[in-house]
Protein backbone atom coordinates (compact mmCIF):
# COMPACT_ATOMS: atom_id res chain seq x y z
CA MET A 1 3.52 11.60 -17.87
CA LYS A 2 0.22 11.55 -19.70
CA ILE A 3 -3.24 10.66 -18.11
CA THR A 4 -4.61 7.78 -20.62
CA LEU A 5 -8.31 7.49 -20.92
CA ARG A 6 -7.54 3.60 -19.72
CA GLN A 7 -6.51 5.43 -16.25
CA ILE A 8 -9.61 6.95 -15.51
CA GLU A 9 -11.25 4.05 -16.66
CA VAL A 10 -9.68 1.73 -14.10
CA PHE A 11 -10.06 4.74 -11.92
CA ALA A 12 -13.76 4.57 -11.83
CA ALA A 13 -14.39 0.89 -12.26
CA ILE A 14 -12.63 0.52 -8.94
CA ALA A 15 -14.05 3.59 -7.54
CA ARG A 16 -17.42 2.41 -8.37
CA LEU A 17 -17.08 -1.14 -7.34
CA GLU A 18 -14.54 -0.80 -4.31
CA ASN A 19 -12.48 -3.53 -5.53
CA VAL A 20 -9.19 -3.54 -7.85
CA SER A 21 -9.79 -7.17 -8.74
CA ARG A 22 -13.33 -6.86 -9.20
CA ALA A 23 -12.77 -4.27 -11.61
CA ALA A 24 -10.15 -5.84 -13.45
CA VAL A 25 -12.35 -8.31 -14.64
CA LYS A 26 -14.89 -5.74 -15.15
CA LEU A 27 -12.56 -4.04 -17.57
CA ASN A 28 -10.70 -7.66 -18.76
CA MET A 29 -7.50 -6.51 -17.63
CA SER A 30 -5.24 -8.06 -15.10
CA GLN A 31 -5.62 -7.05 -10.98
CA SER A 32 -1.85 -5.91 -11.46
CA ALA A 33 -2.87 -3.97 -14.61
CA ALA A 34 -5.39 -1.98 -12.88
CA SER A 35 -3.23 -1.52 -9.44
CA THR A 36 0.00 -0.06 -12.12
CA ALA A 37 -2.81 2.24 -13.93
CA LEU A 38 -4.05 3.37 -10.54
CA LEU A 39 -1.14 3.88 -8.92
CA GLU A 40 0.39 5.55 -12.12
CA LEU A 41 -2.80 8.31 -12.02
CA GLU A 42 -2.13 8.91 -8.12
CA ARG A 43 0.82 9.82 -8.75
CA HIS A 44 -0.14 12.17 -12.10
CA PHE A 45 -1.76 14.06 -9.25
CA ASP A 46 0.15 13.66 -6.50
CA CYS A 47 -2.28 12.44 -3.98
CA PRO A 48 -3.94 9.27 -3.29
CA LEU A 49 -7.81 9.21 -4.48
CA PHE A 50 -8.72 6.05 -2.17
CA ASP A 51 -7.98 5.10 1.25
CA ARG A 52 -6.72 1.65 1.48
CA ILE A 53 -7.82 0.24 4.67
CA GLY A 54 -6.24 -3.69 4.76
CA LYS A 55 -7.61 -4.81 1.30
CA SER A 56 -10.55 -2.52 1.08
CA LEU A 57 -10.33 0.59 -0.78
CA ARG A 58 -12.83 3.81 0.01
CA LEU A 59 -12.78 6.94 -2.16
CA ASN A 60 -11.36 9.51 -0.20
CA GLY A 61 -12.32 13.68 -0.95
CA SER A 62 -9.51 13.79 -4.06
CA GLY A 63 -11.38 10.56 -5.56
CA ARG A 64 -15.08 11.65 -4.78
CA GLY A 65 -13.65 15.28 -6.69
CA LEU A 66 -12.72 13.69 -9.58
CA LEU A 67 -15.07 10.82 -10.35
CA PRO A 68 -17.87 12.64 -11.73
CA GLN A 69 -15.55 14.61 -14.17
CA ALA A 70 -14.19 10.94 -14.58
CA GLU A 71 -17.68 9.87 -15.16
CA ASP A 72 -18.57 12.42 -17.72
CA MET A 73 -15.86 12.33 -19.76
CA LEU A 74 -16.43 8.68 -20.23
CA ALA A 75 -19.37 9.38 -20.82
CA ARG A 76 -18.97 11.72 -23.86
CA LEU A 77 -16.85 9.47 -24.94
CA ASP A 78 -19.63 6.51 -25.03
CA VAL A 79 -17.00 4.18 -23.19
CA PRO A 80 -18.77 1.16 -22.22
CA TYR A 81 -17.95 0.25 -18.99
CA LEU A 82 -20.67 2.69 -17.70
CA ALA A 83 -23.73 0.43 -18.74
CA ALA A 84 -22.10 -2.55 -17.27
CA MET A 85 -21.53 -1.12 -13.45
CA PRO A 86 -24.02 -1.09 -10.35
């Protein structure tokens, strides 16, 4: 399986917003599609990137290690979501 730019974009948005639904809205996609993209990325790395506490997501150590690389990649590719994120 290959990692897609969309999976990286979804991961970074979820990491910033700490919520799949809000990230999906920002990225103009369904919550289900955002959840699927995140799960596929986690399967690719064979580890969770977030700790799941009820409906909340908190970036874990693996996710914190990936986030700067993901944001750098998105910035280099000039993906516009970064400007819209808090």
